[in-house]
Amino acid sequence: MTDQPQLAYKVLTGPQMEELEAAGTFKGAPVDLADGYIHLSTEAQLTETVDKHFAGQSDLHVVAVDLEALGAAVKWEPSRGGQLFPHIYGELPLSAAVAYSPLHREDDGTVRLPIAG
């Protein structure tokens, strides 16, 4: 049993979202490919990730990822401020995406989570 969340979030550009839907898998953004893993954020980390790495960009999408479905491909590693972030060592299959939607913000500025179904 783990204390880590079983859902994490990936922010994708419009073309990256199209790749995930069309190919059924996402190999990674340029930063992911350079680092050797796909960067994800927990719900608590998501808004800061968007503010820091996607400021001023439009046509963004948020994908909710079932970490349990990815098994051992997910590793929790320290990053920004020593926080543990989930990283996927491999591709992100569409089958692990439990929900996705265009990026929207709540009135308080936080990123709205995608809702399945």
PDB file of N, CA and C in Angstrom:
ATOM      1  N   MET A   1       0.846  -1.182   0.000  1.00  0.00           N
ATOM      2  CA  MET A   1       0.000   0.000   0.000  1.00  0.00           C
ATOM      3  C   MET A   1       0.891   1.245   0.000  1.00  0.00           C
ATOM      4  N   THR A   2       0.466   2.269  -0.713  1.00  0.00           N
ATOM      5  CA  THR A   2       1.255   3.491  -0.802  1.00  0.00           C
ATOM      6  C   THR A   2       0.436   4.682  -0.335  1.00  0.00           C
ATOM      7  N   ASP A   3       1.138   5.681   0.173  1.00  0.00           N
ATOM      8  CA  ASP A   3       0.467   6.915   0.573  1.00  0.00           C
ATOM      9  C   ASP A   3       0.389   7.892  -0.590  1.00  0.00           C
ATOM     10  N   GLN A   4       1.014   7.551  -1.701  1.00  0.00           N
ATOM     11  CA  GLN A   4       1.017   8.441  -2.864  1.00  0.00           C
ATOM     12  C   GLN A   4      -0.343   8.380  -3.569  1.00  0.00           C
ATOM     13  N   PRO A   5      -0.743   9.506  -4.176  1.00  0.00           N
ATOM     14  CA  PRO A   5      -2.002   9.500  -4.937  1.00  0.00           C
ATOM     15  C   PRO A   5      -1.934   8.501  -6.090  1.00  0.00           C
ATOM     16  N   GLN A   6      -3.076   7.983  -6.474  1.00  0.00           N
ATOM     17  CA  GLN A   6      -3.139   7.052  -7.597  1.00  0.00           C
ATOM     18  C   GLN A   6      -3.501   7.749  -8.908  1.00  0.00           C
ATOM     19  N   LEU A   7      -3.786   9.054  -8.836  1.00  0.00           N
ATOM     20  CA  LEU A   7      -4.016   9.863 -10.029  1.00  0.00           C
ATOM     21  C   LEU A   7      -2.968  10.963 -10.078  1.00  0.00           C
ATOM     22  N   ALA A   8      -2.468  11.216 -11.272  1.00  0.00           N
ATOM     23  CA  ALA A   8      -1.567  12.338 -11.497  1.00  0.00           C
ATOM     24  C   ALA A   8      -1.989  12.981 -12.810  1.00  0.00           C
ATOM     25  N   TYR A   9      -1.357  14.103 -13.136  1.00  0.00           N
ATOM     26  CA  TYR A   9      -1.818  14.903 -14.268  1.00  0.00           C
ATOM     27  C   TYR A   9      -0.663  15.273 -15.182  1.00  0.00           C
ATOM     28  N   LYS A  10      -0.945  15.208 -16.482  1.00  0.00           N
ATOM     29  CA  LYS A  10       0.006  15.614 -17.511  1.00  0.00           C
ATOM     30  C   LYS A  10      -0.626  16.748 -18.296  1.00  0.00           C
ATOM     31  N   VAL A  11       0.132  17.816 -18.499  1.00  0.00           N
ATOM     32  CA  VAL A  11      -0.314  18.943 -19.318  1.00  0.00           C
ATOM     33  C   VAL A  11       0.262  18.743 -20.712  1.00  0.00           C
ATOM     34  N   LEU A  12      -0.619  18.785 -21.705  1.00  0.00           N
ATOM     35  CA  LEU A  12      -0.218  18.594 -23.093  1.00  0.00           C
ATOM     36  C   LEU A  12      -0.653  19.784 -23.941  1.00  0.00           C
ATOM     37  N   THR A  13       0.132  20.078 -24.960  1.00  0.00           N
ATOM     38  CA  THR A  13      -0.283  21.073 -25.946  1.00  0.00           C
ATOM     39  C   THR A  13      -1.336  20.431 -26.846  1.00  0.00           C
ATOM     40  N   GLY A  14      -2.009  21.244 -27.649  1.00  0.00           N
ATOM     41  CA  GLY A  14      -2.999  20.709 -28.582  1.00  0.00           C
ATOM     42  C   GLY A  14      -2.436  19.618 -29.476  1.00  0.00           C
ATOM     43  N   PRO A  15      -1.292  19.855 -30.148  1.00  0.00           N
ATOM     44  CA  PRO A  15      -0.722  18.803 -31.000  1.00  0.00           C
ATOM     45  C   PRO A  15      -0.329  17.544 -30.219  1.00  0.00           C
ATOM     46  N   GLN A  16       0.143  17.697 -28.988  1.00  0.00           N
ATOM     47  CA  GLN A  16       0.487  16.529 -28.178  1.00  0.00           C
ATOM     48  C   GLN A  16      -0.761  15.738 -27.804  1.00  0.00           C
ATOM     49  N   MET A  17      -1.861  16.449 -27.516  1.00  0.00           N
ATOM     50  CA  MET A  17      -3.120  15.783 -27.202  1.00  0.00           C
ATOM     51  C   MET A  17      -3.616  15.015 -28.420  1.00  0.00           C
ATOM     52  N   GLU A  18      -3.489  15.620 -29.589  1.00  0.00           N
ATOM     53  CA  GLU A  18      -3.874  14.945 -30.833  1.00  0.00           C
ATOM     54  C   GLU A  18      -3.042  13.675 -31.041  1.00  0.00           C
ATOM     55  N   GLU A  19      -1.755  13.754 -30.722  1.00  0.00           N
ATOM     56  CA  GLU A  19      -0.874  12.581 -30.835  1.00  0.00           C
ATOM     57  C   GLU A  19      -1.352  11.462 -29.920  1.00  0.00           C
ATOM     58  N   LEU A  20      -1.660  11.801 -28.669  1.00  0.00           N
ATOM     59  CA  LEU A  20      -2.128  10.796 -27.715  1.00  0.00           C
ATOM     60  C   LEU A  20      -3.401  10.127 -28.220  1.00  0.00           C
ATOM     61  N   GLU A  21      -4.344  10.934 -28.712  1.00  0.00           N
ATOM     62  CA  GLU A  21      -5.617  10.380 -29.178  1.00  0.00           C
ATOM     63  C   GLU A  21      -5.439   9.546 -30.455  1.00  0.00           C
ATOM     64  N   ALA A  22      -4.653  10.048 -31.399  1.00  0.00           N
ATOM     65  CA  ALA A  22      -4.508   9.378 -32.697  1.00  0.00           C
ATOM     66  C   ALA A  22      -3.637   8.121 -32.603  1.00  0.00           C
ATOM     67  N   ALA A  23      -2.520   8.227 -31.903  1.00  0.00           N
ATOM     68  CA  ALA A  23      -1.569   7.113 -31.828  1.00  0.00           C
ATOM     69  C   ALA A  23      -1.904   6.142 -30.698  1.00  0.00           C
ATOM     70  N   GLY A  24      -2.701   6.606 -29.722  1.00  0.00           N
ATOM     71  CA  GLY A  24      -3.018   5.758 -28.579  1.00  0.00           C
ATOM     72  C   GLY A  24      -1.913   5.738 -27.540  1.00  0.00           C
ATOM     73  N   THR A  25      -0.883   6.569 -27.770  1.00  0.00           N
ATOM     74  CA  THR A  25       0.230   6.650 -26.825  1.00  0.00           C
ATOM     75  C   THR A  25       0.926   7.992 -27.018  1.00  0.00           C
ATOM     76  N   PHE A  26       1.573   8.465 -25.957  1.00  0.00           N
ATOM     77  CA  PHE A  26       2.337   9.711 -26.003  1.00  0.00           C
ATOM     78  C   PHE A  26       3.748   9.410 -25.548  1.00  0.00           C
ATOM     79  N   LYS A  27       4.717   9.711 -26.402  1.00  0.00           N
ATOM     80  CA  LYS A  27       6.118   9.391 -26.104  1.00  0.00           C
ATOM     81  C   LYS A  27       6.788  10.434 -25.227  1.00  0.00           C
ATOM     82  N   GLY A  28       6.231  11.649 -25.181  1.00  0.00           N
ATOM     83  CA  GLY A  28       6.783  12.684 -24.326  1.00  0.00           C
ATOM     84  C   GLY A  28       6.981  13.998 -25.051  1.00  0.00           C
ATOM     85  N   ALA A  29       6.919  15.056 -24.283  1.00  0.00           N
ATOM     86  CA  ALA A  29       7.236  16.395 -24.773  1.00  0.00           C
ATOM     87  C   ALA A  29       8.757  16.501 -24.907  1.00  0.00           C
ATOM     88  N   PRO A  30       9.265  17.528 -25.574  1.00  0.00           N
ATOM     89  CA  PRO A  30      10.722  17.660 -25.697  1.00  0.00           C
ATOM     90  C   PRO A  30      11.457  17.566 -24.353  1.00  0.00           C
ATOM     91  N   VAL A  31      10.936  18.192 -23.312  1.00  0.00           N
ATOM     92  CA  VAL A  31      11.600  18.129 -22.004  1.00  0.00           C
ATOM     93  C   VAL A  31      11.575  16.701 -21.444  1.00  0.00           C
ATOM     94  N   ASP A  32      10.479  15.983 -21.687  1.00  0.00           N
ATOM     95  CA  ASP A  32      10.388  14.594 -21.228  1.00  0.00           C
ATOM     96  C   ASP A  32      11.429  13.732 -21.935  1.00  0.00           C
ATOM     97  N   LEU A  33      11.504  13.885 -23.243  1.00  0.00           N
ATOM     98  CA  LEU A  33      12.458  13.096 -24.025  1.00  0.00           C
ATOM     99  C   LEU A  33      13.891  13.405 -23.604  1.00  0.00           C
ATOM    100  N   ALA A  34      14.182  14.675 -23.324  1.00  0.00           N
ATOM    101  CA  ALA A  34      15.529  15.067 -22.895  1.00  0.00           C
ATOM    102  C   ALA A  34      15.873  14.485 -21.525  1.00  0.00           C
ATOM    103  N   ASP A  35      14.880  14.442 -20.630  1.00  0.00           N
ATOM    104  CA  ASP A  35      15.116  13.958 -19.265  1.00  0.00           C
ATOM    105  C   ASP A  35      15.016  12.436 -19.146  1.00  0.00           C
ATOM    106  N   GLY A  36      14.410  11.778 -20.127  1.00  0.00           N
ATOM    107  CA  GLY A  36      14.311  10.324 -20.106  1.00  0.00           C
ATOM    108  C   GLY A  36      13.084   9.783 -19.401  1.00  0.00           C
ATOM    109  N   TYR A  37      12.128  10.640 -19.070  1.00  0.00           N
ATOM    110  CA  TYR A  37      10.883  10.219 -18.440  1.00  0.00           C
ATOM    111  C   TYR A  37       9.824  11.282 -18.688  1.00  0.00           C
ATOM    112  N   ILE A  38       8.554  10.892 -18.548  1.00  0.00           N
ATOM    113  CA  ILE A  38       7.441  11.823 -18.716  1.00  0.00           C
ATOM    114  C   ILE A  38       7.113  12.427 -17.364  1.00  0.00           C
ATOM    115  N   HIS A  39       7.148  13.745 -17.319  1.00  0.00           N
ATOM    116  CA  HIS A  39       6.853  14.499 -16.101  1.00  0.00           C
ATOM    117  C   HIS A  39       5.347  14.541 -15.848  1.00  0.00           C
ATOM    118  N   LEU A  40       4.945  14.242 -14.631  1.00  0.00           N
ATOM    119  CA  LEU A  40       3.561  14.384 -14.196  1.00  0.00           C
ATOM    120  C   LEU A  40       3.535  15.230 -12.933  1.00  0.00           C
ATOM    121  N   SER A  41       2.353  15.683 -12.566  1.00  0.00           N
ATOM    122  CA  SER A  41       2.162  16.430 -11.323  1.00  0.00           C
ATOM    123  C   SER A  41       0.973  15.852 -10.574  1.00  0.00           C
ATOM    124  N   THR A  42       1.019  15.954  -9.262  1.00  0.00           N
ATOM    125  CA  THR A  42      -0.150  15.591  -8.460  1.00  0.00           C
ATOM    126  C   THR A  42      -1.153  16.737  -8.548  1.00  0.00           C
ATOM    127  N   GLU A  43      -2.343  16.499  -8.031  1.00  0.00           N
ATOM    128  CA  GLU A  43      -3.351  17.566  -7.996  1.00  0.00           C
ATOM    129  C   GLU A  43      -2.805  18.799  -7.287  1.00  0.00           C
ATOM    130  N   ALA A  44      -2.119  18.604  -6.172  1.00  0.00           N
ATOM    131  CA  ALA A  44      -1.581  19.724  -5.389  1.00  0.00           C
ATOM    132  C   ALA A  44      -0.475  20.478  -6.130  1.00  0.00           C
ATOM    133  N   GLN A  45       0.200  19.829  -7.055  1.00  0.00           N
ATOM    134  CA  GLN A  45       1.326  20.427  -7.776  1.00  0.00           C
ATOM    135  C   GLN A  45       0.929  21.022  -9.130  1.00  0.00           C
ATOM    136  N   LEU A  46      -0.257  20.681  -9.621  1.00  0.00           N
ATOM    137  CA  LEU A  46      -0.642  20.985 -10.998  1.00  0.00           C
ATOM    138  C   LEU A  46      -0.658  22.469 -11.329  1.00  0.00           C
ATOM    139  N   THR A  47      -1.291  23.275 -10.521  1.00  0.00           N
ATOM    140  CA  THR A  47      -1.395  24.708 -10.839  1.00  0.00           C
ATOM    141  C   THR A  47      -0.018  25.352 -10.886  1.00  0.00           C
ATOM    142  N   GLU A  48       0.851  25.023  -9.948  1.00  0.00           N
ATOM    143  CA  GLU A  48       2.202  25.583  -9.954  1.00  0.00           C
ATOM    144  C   GLU A  48       2.968  25.125 -11.197  1.00  0.00           C
ATOM    145  N   THR A  49       2.785  23.886 -11.594  1.00  0.00           N
ATOM    146  CA  THR A  49       3.434  23.382 -12.803  1.00  0.00           C
ATOM    147  C   THR A  49       2.984  24.178 -14.024  1.00  0.00           C
ATOM    148  N   VAL A  50       1.688  24.395 -14.152  1.00  0.00           N
ATOM    149  CA  VAL A  50       1.165  25.164 -15.290  1.00  0.00           C
ATOM    150  C   VAL A  50       1.708  26.589 -15.251  1.00  0.00           C
ATOM    151  N   ASP A  51       1.672  27.218 -14.074  1.00  0.00           N
ATOM    152  CA  ASP A  51       2.157  28.599 -13.949  1.00  0.00           C
ATOM    153  C   ASP A  51       3.640  28.706 -14.288  1.00  0.00           C
ATOM    154  N   LYS A  52       4.425  27.730 -13.891  1.00  0.00           N
ATOM    155  CA  LYS A  52       5.878  27.782 -14.079  1.00  0.00           C
ATOM    156  C   LYS A  52       6.313  27.378 -15.490  1.00  0.00           C
ATOM    157  N   HIS A  53       5.711  26.341 -16.038  1.00  0.00           N
ATOM    158  CA  HIS A  53       6.213  25.773 -17.289  1.00  0.00           C
ATOM    159  C   HIS A  53       5.353  26.055 -18.525  1.00  0.00           C
ATOM    160  N   PHE A  54       4.131  26.573 -18.318  1.00  0.00           N
ATOM    161  CA  PHE A  54       3.235  26.793 -19.459  1.00  0.00           C
ATOM    162  C   PHE A  54       2.661  28.202 -19.481  1.00  0.00           C
ATOM    163  N   ALA A  55       3.271  29.133 -18.753  1.00  0.00           N
ATOM    164  CA  ALA A  55       2.764  30.509 -18.673  1.00  0.00           C
ATOM    165  C   ALA A  55       2.643  31.120 -20.067  1.00  0.00           C
ATOM    166  N   GLY A  56       1.502  31.745 -20.312  1.00  0.00           N
ATOM    167  CA  GLY A  56       1.277  32.447 -21.565  1.00  0.00           C
ATOM    168  C   GLY A  56       0.907  31.567 -22.741  1.00  0.00           C
ATOM    169  N   GLN A  57       0.882  30.250 -22.551  1.00  0.00           N
ATOM    170  CA  GLN A  57       0.535  29.346 -23.645  1.00  0.00           C
ATOM    171  C   GLN A  57      -0.973  29.103 -23.673  1.00  0.00           C
ATOM    172  N   SER A  58      -1.487  28.894 -24.859  1.00  0.00           N
ATOM    173  CA  SER A  58      -2.896  28.541 -25.009  1.00  0.00           C
ATOM    174  C   SER A  58      -2.973  27.152 -25.631  1.00  0.00           C
ATOM    175  N   ASP A  59      -4.168  26.677 -25.843  1.00  0.00           N
ATOM    176  CA  ASP A  59      -4.409  25.350 -26.417  1.00  0.00           C
ATOM    177  C   ASP A  59      -3.699  24.269 -25.609  1.00  0.00           C
ATOM    178  N   LEU A  60      -3.934  24.307 -24.292  1.00  0.00           N
ATOM    179  CA  LEU A  60      -3.373  23.300 -23.392  1.00  0.00           C
ATOM    180  C   LEU A  60      -4.479  22.368 -22.916  1.00  0.00           C
ATOM    181  N   HIS A  61      -4.088  21.141 -22.591  1.00  0.00           N
ATOM    182  CA  HIS A  61      -5.015  20.118 -22.129  1.00  0.00           C
ATOM    183  C   HIS A  61      -4.445  19.453 -20.882  1.00  0.00           C
ATOM    184  N   VAL A  62      -5.332  18.999 -20.016  1.00  0.00           N
ATOM    185  CA  VAL A  62      -4.934  18.295 -18.798  1.00  0.00           C
ATOM    186  C   VAL A  62      -5.441  16.860 -18.894  1.00  0.00           C
ATOM    187  N   VAL A  63      -4.528  15.921 -18.690  1.00  0.00           N
ATOM    188  CA  VAL A  63      -4.856  14.502 -18.740  1.00  0.00           C
ATOM    189  C   VAL A  63      -4.699  13.918 -17.341  1.00  0.00           C
ATOM    190  N   ALA A  64      -5.758  13.284 -16.847  1.00  0.00           N
ATOM    191  CA  ALA A  64      -5.697  12.564 -15.575  1.00  0.00           C
ATOM    192  C   ALA A  64      -5.193  11.160 -15.860  1.00  0.00           C
ATOM    193  N   VAL A  65      -4.120  10.769 -15.191  1.00  0.00           N
ATOM    194  CA  VAL A  65      -3.435   9.510 -15.458  1.00  0.00           C
ATOM    195  C   VAL A  65      -3.582   8.576 -14.262  1.00  0.00           C
ATOM    196  N   ASP A  66      -4.037   7.358 -14.542  1.00  0.00           N
ATOM    197  CA  ASP A  66      -4.155   6.316 -13.530  1.00  0.00           C
ATOM    198  C   ASP A  66      -2.768   5.704 -13.320  1.00  0.00           C
ATOM    199  N   LEU A  67      -2.117   6.077 -12.239  1.00  0.00           N
ATOM    200  CA  LEU A  67      -0.755   5.603 -11.986  1.00  0.00           C
ATOM    201  C   LEU A  67      -0.713   4.096 -11.729  1.00  0.00           C
ATOM    202  N   GLU A  68      -1.738   3.584 -11.117  1.00  0.00           N
ATOM    203  CA  GLU A  68      -1.772   2.150 -10.823  1.00  0.00           C
ATOM    204  C   GLU A  68      -1.732   1.329 -12.115  1.00  0.00           C
ATOM    205  N   ALA A  69      -2.370   1.837 -13.164  1.00  0.00           N
ATOM    206  CA  ALA A  69      -2.386   1.134 -14.451  1.00  0.00           C
ATOM    207  C   ALA A  69      -0.996   1.064 -15.077  1.00  0.00           C
ATOM    208  N   LEU A  70      -0.109   1.967 -14.675  1.00  0.00           N
ATOM    209  CA  LEU A  70       1.242   2.008 -15.244  1.00  0.00           C
ATOM    210  C   LEU A  70       2.243   1.203 -14.438  1.00  0.00           C
ATOM    211  N   GLY A  71       1.848   0.770 -13.255  1.00  0.00           N
ATOM    212  CA  GLY A  71       2.683  -0.108 -12.443  1.00  0.00           C
ATOM    213  C   GLY A  71       4.080   0.417 -12.182  1.00  0.00           C
ATOM    214  N   ALA A  72       5.066  -0.435 -12.420  1.00  0.00           N
ATOM    215  CA  ALA A  72       6.465  -0.131 -12.100  1.00  0.00           C
ATOM    216  C   ALA A  72       7.074   0.934 -12.992  1.00  0.00           C
ATOM    217  N   ALA A  73       6.377   1.350 -14.056  1.00  0.00           N
ATOM    218  CA  ALA A  73       6.899   2.414 -14.919  1.00  0.00           C
ATOM    219  C   ALA A  73       6.887   3.770 -14.204  1.00  0.00           C
ATOM    220  N   VAL A  74       6.107   3.875 -13.110  1.00  0.00           N
ATOM    221  CA  VAL A  74       6.003   5.135 -12.358  1.00  0.00           C
ATOM    222  C   VAL A  74       6.996   5.132 -11.213  1.00  0.00           C
ATOM    223  N   LYS A  75       7.776   6.187 -11.139  1.00  0.00           N
ATOM    224  CA  LYS A  75       8.712   6.378 -10.032  1.00  0.00           C
ATOM    225  C   LYS A  75       8.447   7.762  -9.427  1.00  0.00           C
ATOM    226  N   TRP A  76       8.434   7.831  -8.108  1.00  0.00           N
ATOM    227  CA  TRP A  76       8.266   9.094  -7.388  1.00  0.00           C
ATOM    228  C   TRP A  76       9.659   9.621  -7.066  1.00  0.00           C
ATOM    229  N   GLU A  77       9.970  10.813  -7.584  1.00  0.00           N
ATOM    230  CA  GLU A  77      11.320  11.358  -7.426  1.00  0.00           C
ATOM    231  C   GLU A  77      11.262  12.824  -7.018  1.00  0.00           C
ATOM    232  N   PRO A  78      12.256  13.258  -6.227  1.00  0.00           N
ATOM    233  CA  PRO A  78      12.268  14.652  -5.795  1.00  0.00           C
ATOM    234  C   PRO A  78      12.562  15.587  -6.960  1.00  0.00           C
ATOM    235  N   SER A  79      11.878  16.717  -6.931  1.00  0.00           N
ATOM    236  CA  SER A  79      12.085  17.751  -7.950  1.00  0.00           C
ATOM    237  C   SER A  79      11.885  19.096  -7.277  1.00  0.00           C
ATOM    238  N   ARG A  80      11.098  19.946  -7.877  1.00  0.00           N
ATOM    239  CA  ARG A  80      10.897  21.320  -7.425  1.00  0.00           C
ATOM    240  C   ARG A  80      10.696  21.395  -5.908  1.00  0.00           C
ATOM    241  N   GLY A  81      11.601  22.077  -5.245  1.00  0.00           N
ATOM    242  CA  GLY A  81      11.493  22.284  -3.804  1.00  0.00           C
ATOM    243  C   GLY A  81      11.585  21.010  -2.989  1.00  0.00           C
ATOM    244  N   GLY A  82      12.148  19.947  -3.565  1.00  0.00           N
ATOM    245  CA  GLY A  82      12.270  18.686  -2.848  1.00  0.00           C
ATOM    246  C   GLY A  82      10.996  17.856  -2.835  1.00  0.00           C
ATOM    247  N   GLN A  83       9.923  18.362  -3.453  1.00  0.00           N
ATOM    248  CA  GLN A  83       8.671  17.609  -3.519  1.00  0.00           C
ATOM    249  C   GLN A  83       8.852  16.356  -4.374  1.00  0.00           C
ATOM    250  N   LEU A  84       8.128  15.308  -4.023  1.00  0.00           N
ATOM    251  CA  LEU A  84       8.130  14.106  -4.849  1.00  0.00           C
ATOM    252  C   LEU A  84       7.129  14.268  -5.984  1.00  0.00           C
ATOM    253  N   PHE A  85       7.602  14.015  -7.194  1.00  0.00           N
ATOM    254  CA  PHE A  85       6.758  14.077  -8.386  1.00  0.00           C
ATOM    255  C   PHE A  85       6.720  12.703  -9.035  1.00  0.00           C
ATOM    256  N   PRO A  86       5.566  12.336  -9.619  1.00  0.00           N
ATOM    257  CA  PRO A  86       5.499  11.074 -10.353  1.00  0.00           C
ATOM    258  C   PRO A  86       6.096  11.233 -11.747  1.00  0.00           C
ATOM    259  N   HIS A  87       6.933  10.309 -12.129  1.00  0.00           N
ATOM    260  CA  HIS A  87       7.548  10.282 -13.461  1.00  0.00           C
ATOM    261  C   HIS A  87       7.260   8.935 -14.099  1.00  0.00           C
ATOM    262  N   ILE A  88       6.934   8.950 -15.396  1.00  0.00           N
ATOM    263  CA  ILE A  88       6.703   7.710 -16.134  1.00  0.00           C
ATOM    264  C   ILE A  88       7.957   7.392 -16.935  1.00  0.00           C
ATOM    265  N   TYR A  89       8.537   6.244 -16.666  1.00  0.00           N
ATOM    266  CA  TYR A  89       9.680   5.763 -17.446  1.00  0.00           C
ATOM    267  C   TYR A  89       9.123   4.845 -18.534  1.00  0.00           C
ATOM    268  N   GLY A  90       8.769   5.452 -19.631  1.00  0.00           N
ATOM    269  CA  GLY A  90       8.129   4.768 -20.743  1.00  0.00           C
ATOM    270  C   GLY A  90       7.135   5.725 -21.369  1.00  0.00           C
ATOM    271  N   GLU A  91       6.264   5.179 -22.179  1.00  0.00           N
ATOM    272  CA  GLU A  91       5.257   5.991 -22.854  1.00  0.00           C
ATOM    273  C   GLU A  91       3.991   6.075 -22.013  1.00  0.00           C
ATOM    274  N   LEU A  92       3.193   7.098 -22.290  1.00  0.00           N
ATOM    275  CA  LEU A  92       1.893   7.262 -21.646  1.00  0.00           C
ATOM    276  C   LEU A  92       0.839   6.696 -22.594  1.00  0.00           C
ATOM    277  N   PRO A  93       0.251   5.541 -22.262  1.00  0.00           N
ATOM    278  CA  PRO A  93      -0.785   4.980 -23.130  1.00  0.00           C
ATOM    279  C   PRO A  93      -2.135   5.656 -22.875  1.00  0.00           C
ATOM    280  N   LEU A  94      -2.898   5.827 -23.928  1.00  0.00           N
ATOM    281  CA  LEU A  94      -4.230   6.410 -23.801  1.00  0.00           C
ATOM    282  C   LEU A  94      -5.079   5.618 -22.815  1.00  0.00           C
ATOM    283  N   SER A  95      -4.849   4.317 -22.727  1.00  0.00           N
ATOM    284  CA  SER A  95      -5.624   3.465 -21.812  1.00  0.00           C
ATOM    285  C   SER A  95      -5.444   3.859 -20.345  1.00  0.00           C
ATOM    286  N   ALA A  96      -4.351   4.553 -20.015  1.00  0.00           N
ATOM    287  CA  ALA A  96      -4.121   4.996 -18.631  1.00  0.00           C
ATOM    288  C   ALA A  96      -4.725   6.378 -18.367  1.00  0.00           C
ATOM    289  N   ALA A  97      -5.238   7.027 -19.409  1.00  0.00           N
ATOM    290  CA  ALA A  97      -5.871   8.346 -19.260  1.00  0.00           C
ATOM    291  C   ALA A  97      -7.327   8.134 -18.871  1.00  0.00           C
ATOM    292  N   VAL A  98      -7.655   8.450 -17.632  1.00  0.00           N
ATOM    293  CA  VAL A  98      -9.017   8.223 -17.156  1.00  0.00           C
ATOM    294  C   VAL A  98      -9.940   9.400 -17.462  1.00  0.00           C
ATOM    295  N   ALA A  99      -9.360  10.559 -17.768  1.00  0.00           N
ATOM    296  CA  ALA A  99     -10.129  11.744 -18.142  1.00  0.00           C
ATOM    297  C   ALA A  99      -9.170  12.757 -18.751  1.00  0.00           C
ATOM    298  N   TYR A 100      -9.689  13.586 -19.632  1.00  0.00           N
ATOM    299  CA  TYR A 100      -8.901  14.704 -20.140  1.00  0.00           C
ATOM    300  C   TYR A 100      -9.819  15.787 -20.664  1.00  0.00           C
ATOM    301  N   SER A 101      -9.316  17.009 -20.637  1.00  0.00           N
ATOM    302  CA  SER A 101     -10.111  18.151 -21.086  1.00  0.00           C
ATOM    303  C   SER A 101      -9.172  19.317 -21.371  1.00  0.00           C
ATOM    304  N   PRO A 102      -9.684  20.302 -22.123  1.00  0.00           N
ATOM    305  CA  PRO A 102      -8.899  21.528 -22.277  1.00  0.00           C
ATOM    306  C   PRO A 102      -8.645  22.146 -20.905  1.00  0.00           C
ATOM    307  N   LEU A 103      -7.513  22.817 -20.782  1.00  0.00           N
ATOM    308  CA  LEU A 103      -7.155  23.445 -19.504  1.00  0.00           C
ATOM    309  C   LEU A 103      -8.054  24.654 -19.262  1.00  0.00           C
ATOM    310  N   HIS A 104      -8.712  24.653 -18.117  1.00  0.00           N
ATOM    311  CA  HIS A 104      -9.520  25.785 -17.646  1.00  0.00           C
ATOM    312  C   HIS A 104      -9.110  26.062 -16.212  1.00  0.00           C
ATOM    313  N   ARG A 105      -9.340  27.293 -15.796  1.00  0.00           N
ATOM    314  CA  ARG A 105      -9.036  27.660 -14.409  1.00  0.00           C
ATOM    315  C   ARG A 105     -10.314  27.974 -13.644  1.00  0.00           C
ATOM    316  N   GLU A 106     -10.263  27.676 -12.355  1.00  0.00           N
ATOM    317  CA  GLU A 106     -11.347  28.045 -11.457  1.00  0.00           C
ATOM    318  C   GLU A 106     -11.245  29.540 -11.160  1.00  0.00           C
ATOM    319  N   ASP A 107     -12.254  30.099 -10.515  1.00  0.00           N
ATOM    320  CA  ASP A 107     -12.253  31.529 -10.189  1.00  0.00           C
ATOM    321  C   ASP A 107     -11.053  31.930  -9.332  1.00  0.00           C
ATOM    322  N   ASP A 108     -10.545  30.993  -8.518  1.00  0.00           N
ATOM    323  CA  ASP A 108      -9.398  31.304  -7.655  1.00  0.00           C
ATOM    324  C   ASP A 108      -8.056  31.118  -8.364  1.00  0.00           C
ATOM    325  N   GLY A 109      -8.086  30.748  -9.659  1.00  0.00           N
ATOM    326  CA  GLY A 109      -6.856  30.611 -10.425  1.00  0.00           C
ATOM    327  C   GLY A 109      -6.305  29.208 -10.498  1.00  0.00           C
ATOM    328  N   THR A 110      -6.834  28.291  -9.689  1.00  0.00           N
ATOM    329  CA  THR A 110      -6.335  26.918  -9.754  1.00  0.00           C
ATOM    330  C   THR A 110      -6.818  26.248 -11.039  1.00  0.00           C
ATOM    331  N   VAL A 111      -6.058  25.273 -11.475  1.00  0.00           N
ATOM    332  CA  VAL A 111      -6.410  24.534 -12.689  1.00  0.00           C
ATOM    333  C   VAL A 111      -7.566  23.586 -12.366  1.00  0.00           C
ATOM    334  N   ARG A 112      -8.604  23.621 -13.215  1.00  0.00           N
ATOM    335  CA  ARG A 112      -9.748  22.721 -13.065  1.00  0.00           C
ATOM    336  C   ARG A 112      -9.334  21.323 -13.529  1.00  0.00           C
ATOM    337  N   LEU A 113      -9.640  20.336 -12.719  1.00  0.00           N
ATOM    338  CA  LEU A 113      -9.311  18.955 -13.060  1.00  0.00           C
ATOM    339  C   LEU A 113     -10.308  18.411 -14.074  1.00  0.00           C
ATOM    340  N   PRO A 114      -9.838  17.566 -14.991  1.00  0.00           N
ATOM    341  CA  PRO A 114     -10.771  16.951 -15.932  1.00  0.00           C
ATOM    342  C   PRO A 114     -11.676  15.953 -15.200  1.00  0.00           C
ATOM    343  N   ILE A 115     -12.888  15.797 -15.714  1.00  0.00           N
ATOM    344  CA  ILE A 115     -13.868  14.898 -15.105  1.00  0.00           C
ATOM    345  C   ILE A 115     -14.177  13.776 -16.091  1.00  0.00           C
ATOM    346  N   ALA A 116     -14.106  12.565 -15.626  1.00  0.00           N
ATOM    347  CA  ALA A 116     -14.406  11.403 -16.477  1.00  0.00           C
ATOM    348  C   ALA A 116     -15.910  11.256 -16.644  1.00  0.00           C
ATOM    349  N   GLY A 117     -16.289  10.715 -17.784  1.00  0.00           N
ATOM    350  CA  GLY A 117     -17.650  10.306 -17.999  1.00  0.00           C
ATOM    351  C   GLY A 117     -18.572  11.368 -18.407  1.00  0.00           C
TER     352      GLY A 117
END
